[in-house]
Amino acid sequence: MVKLIKTIMNIANLGGNRVSRNEKVKITVNINNKSYTIIGNESASHVRLVASLVDQKMHDLQIANEHLDTTKLAVLTAVNTMNDYLKLKEEYTDLQSKIKKEDN
């Protein structure tokens, strides 16, 4: 979990990585040994980082759950990632509340 938090903090530090609204970035990434072309407003380095994190999460879950097919592995990855996100969001909200209390 600490590794995930450090990684998410690295992602947060990449804020402002968007390209202009009219400019789209097209990049091909590999996730779970499959190629995906992603088009969007985020920088190529940001997209690569996100893809790498998804790939690592899927790999970790696959090792622990060898019987899962790709679809179930993808759903489990999404559920775990959203769970981690919600926990971090709650921690962030709690920290903001503590900071506000200290300021008053």
C-alpha atoms as a PDB file:
ATOM      1  CA  MET A   1       0.000   0.000   0.000  1.00  0.00           C
ATOM      2  CA  VAL A   2       2.875   2.379   0.761  1.00  0.00           C
ATOM      3  CA  LYS A   3       4.267   1.776  -2.746  1.00  0.00           C
ATOM      4  CA  LEU A   4       0.859   2.595  -4.220  1.00  0.00           C
ATOM      5  CA  ILE A   5       0.580   5.804  -2.183  1.00  0.00           C
ATOM      6  CA  LYS A   6       4.057   6.910  -3.297  1.00  0.00           C
ATOM      7  CA  THR A   7       3.124   6.181  -6.895  1.00  0.00           C
ATOM      8  CA  ILE A   8      -0.137   8.108  -6.597  1.00  0.00           C
ATOM      9  CA  MET A   9       1.749  11.006  -5.044  1.00  0.00           C
ATOM     10  CA  ASN A  10       4.073  10.928  -8.074  1.00  0.00           C
ATOM     11  CA  ILE A  11       1.032  11.092 -10.319  1.00  0.00           C
ATOM     12  CA  ALA A  12      -0.330  14.030  -8.313  1.00  0.00           C
ATOM     13  CA  ASN A  13       2.985  15.818  -8.781  1.00  0.00           C
ATOM     14  CA  LEU A  14       2.505  15.525 -12.538  1.00  0.00           C
ATOM     15  CA  GLY A  15      -0.385  17.983 -12.443  1.00  0.00           C
ATOM     16  CA  GLY A  16      -0.405  20.355 -15.371  1.00  0.00           C
ATOM     17  CA  ASN A  17       0.645  17.598 -17.722  1.00  0.00           C
ATOM     18  CA  ARG A  18      -2.224  18.251 -20.048  1.00  0.00           C
ATOM     19  CA  VAL A  19      -1.583  19.415 -23.538  1.00  0.00           C
ATOM     20  CA  SER A  20      -3.696  22.208 -25.007  1.00  0.00           C
ATOM     21  CA  ARG A  21      -7.415  21.524 -25.403  1.00  0.00           C
ATOM     22  CA  ASN A  22      -7.191  21.377 -29.168  1.00  0.00           C
ATOM     23  CA  GLU A  23      -4.095  19.185 -29.190  1.00  0.00           C
ATOM     24  CA  LYS A  24      -4.524  15.438 -28.765  1.00  0.00           C
ATOM     25  CA  VAL A  25      -1.792  12.989 -27.867  1.00  0.00           C
ATOM     26  CA  LYS A  26      -1.891   9.518 -29.399  1.00  0.00           C
ATOM     27  CA  ILE A  27       0.216   6.874 -27.689  1.00  0.00           C
ATOM     28  CA  THR A  28       0.355   3.093 -27.759  1.00  0.00           C
ATOM     29  CA  VAL A  29       0.889   1.335 -24.443  1.00  0.00           C
ATOM     30  CA  ASN A  30       1.061  -2.278 -23.338  1.00  0.00           C
ATOM     31  CA  ILE A  31      -1.147  -3.515 -20.540  1.00  0.00           C
ATOM     32  CA  ASN A  32      -1.273  -7.192 -19.627  1.00  0.00           C
ATOM     33  CA  ASN A  33       0.683  -8.090 -22.787  1.00  0.00           C
ATOM     34  CA  LYS A  34      -1.796  -6.324 -25.077  1.00  0.00           C
ATOM     35  CA  SER A  35      -1.340  -3.097 -27.005  1.00  0.00           C
ATOM     36  CA  TYR A  36      -3.787  -0.239 -26.571  1.00  0.00           C
ATOM     37  CA  THR A  37      -3.804   3.069 -28.408  1.00  0.00           C
ATOM     38  CA  ILE A  38      -4.886   5.924 -26.166  1.00  0.00           C
ATOM     39  CA  ILE A  39      -5.840   9.355 -27.459  1.00  0.00           C
ATOM     40  CA  GLY A  40      -6.328  12.227 -25.039  1.00  0.00           C
ATOM     41  CA  ASN A  41      -5.190  15.526 -23.584  1.00  0.00           C
ATOM     42  CA  GLU A  42      -2.674  14.147 -21.089  1.00  0.00           C
ATOM     43  CA  SER A  43       1.036  14.129 -21.846  1.00  0.00           C
ATOM     44  CA  ALA A  44       2.591  10.976 -23.249  1.00  0.00           C
ATOM     45  CA  SER A  45       4.636  10.504 -20.068  1.00  0.00           C
ATOM     46  CA  HIS A  46       1.489  10.711 -17.937  1.00  0.00           C
ATOM     47  CA  VAL A  47      -0.325   8.149 -20.106  1.00  0.00           C
ATOM     48  CA  ARG A  48       2.688   5.822 -19.949  1.00  0.00           C
ATOM     49  CA  LEU A  49       2.788   6.137 -16.153  1.00  0.00           C
ATOM     50  CA  VAL A  50      -0.916   5.365 -15.806  1.00  0.00           C
ATOM     51  CA  ALA A  51      -0.621   2.399 -18.173  1.00  0.00           C
ATOM     52  CA  SER A  52       2.375   1.116 -16.237  1.00  0.00           C
ATOM     53  CA  LEU A  53       0.460   1.316 -12.963  1.00  0.00           C
ATOM     54  CA  VAL A  54      -2.521  -0.532 -14.438  1.00  0.00           C
ATOM     55  CA  ASP A  55      -0.209  -3.181 -15.893  1.00  0.00           C
ATOM     56  CA  GLN A  56       1.549  -3.654 -12.537  1.00  0.00           C
ATOM     57  CA  LYS A  57      -1.738  -3.868 -10.643  1.00  0.00           C
ATOM     58  CA  MET A  58      -3.058  -6.466 -13.098  1.00  0.00           C
ATOM     59  CA  HIS A  59       0.177  -8.423 -12.830  1.00  0.00           C
ATOM     60  CA  ASP A  60       0.070  -8.418  -9.016  1.00  0.00           C
ATOM     61  CA  LEU A  61      -3.569  -9.523  -8.971  1.00  0.00           C
ATOM     62  CA  GLN A  62      -2.958 -12.203 -11.590  1.00  0.00           C
ATOM     63  CA  ILE A  63      -0.203 -13.752  -9.491  1.00  0.00           C
ATOM     64  CA  ALA A  64      -2.568 -13.936  -6.515  1.00  0.00           C
ATOM     65  CA  ASN A  65      -5.523 -15.136  -8.632  1.00  0.00           C
ATOM     66  CA  GLU A  66      -4.103 -17.336 -11.394  1.00  0.00           C
ATOM     67  CA  HIS A  67      -7.516 -18.793 -12.269  1.00  0.00           C
ATOM     68  CA  LEU A  68      -8.975 -15.458 -13.465  1.00  0.00           C
ATOM     69  CA  ASP A  69      -9.558 -14.847 -17.155  1.00  0.00           C
ATOM     70  CA  THR A  70      -8.664 -11.456 -18.628  1.00  0.00           C
ATOM     71  CA  THR A  71     -12.147  -9.958 -18.199  1.00  0.00           C
ATOM     72  CA  LYS A  72     -12.411 -10.944 -14.547  1.00  0.00           C
ATOM     73  CA  LEU A  73      -8.857  -9.773 -13.947  1.00  0.00           C
ATOM     74  CA  ALA A  74      -9.687  -6.397 -15.501  1.00  0.00           C
ATOM     75  CA  VAL A  75     -12.805  -6.030 -13.332  1.00  0.00           C
ATOM     76  CA  LEU A  76     -10.894  -7.016 -10.193  1.00  0.00           C
ATOM     77  CA  THR A  77      -8.191  -4.491 -11.109  1.00  0.00           C
ATOM     78  CA  ALA A  78     -10.811  -1.764 -11.565  1.00  0.00           C
ATOM     79  CA  VAL A  79     -12.509  -2.619  -8.248  1.00  0.00           C
ATOM     80  CA  ASN A  80      -9.207  -2.655  -6.355  1.00  0.00           C
ATOM     81  CA  THR A  81      -8.049   0.576  -7.966  1.00  0.00           C
ATOM     82  CA  MET A  82     -11.307   2.360  -7.185  1.00  0.00           C
ATOM     83  CA  ASN A  83     -11.150   1.081  -3.608  1.00  0.00           C
ATOM     84  CA  ASP A  84      -7.618   2.475  -3.253  1.00  0.00           C
ATOM     85  CA  TYR A  85      -8.748   5.765  -4.796  1.00  0.00           C
ATOM     86  CA  LEU A  86     -11.702   6.138  -2.427  1.00  0.00           C
ATOM     87  CA  LYS A  87      -9.535   5.383   0.605  1.00  0.00           C
ATOM     88  CA  LEU A  88      -6.990   7.988  -0.485  1.00  0.00           C
ATOM     89  CA  LYS A  89      -9.741  10.505  -1.191  1.00  0.00           C
ATOM     90  CA  GLU A  90     -11.133   9.937   2.309  1.00  0.00           C
ATOM     91  CA  GLU A  91      -7.656  10.339   3.837  1.00  0.00           C
ATOM     92  CA  TYR A  92      -7.189  13.552   1.840  1.00  0.00           C
ATOM     93  CA  THR A  93     -10.523  14.921   3.073  1.00  0.00           C
ATOM     94  CA  ASP A  94      -9.601  14.015   6.663  1.00  0.00           C
ATOM     95  CA  LEU A  95      -6.246  15.788   6.310  1.00  0.00           C
ATOM     96  CA  GLN A  96      -7.934  18.879   4.884  1.00  0.00           C
ATOM     97  CA  SER A  97     -10.310  18.929   7.862  1.00  0.00           C
ATOM     98  CA  LYS A  98      -7.400  18.630  10.304  1.00  0.00           C
ATOM     99  CA  ILE A  99      -5.572  21.475   8.587  1.00  0.00           C
ATOM    100  CA  LYS A 100      -8.678  23.690   8.732  1.00  0.00           C
ATOM    101  CA  LYS A 101      -9.094  22.936  12.443  1.00  0.00           C
ATOM    102  CA  GLU A 102      -5.443  23.831  13.091  1.00  0.00           C
ATOM    103  CA  ASP A 103      -5.827  27.110  11.193  1.00  0.00           C
ATOM    104  CA  ASN A 104      -8.798  28.134  13.356  1.00  0.00           C
END
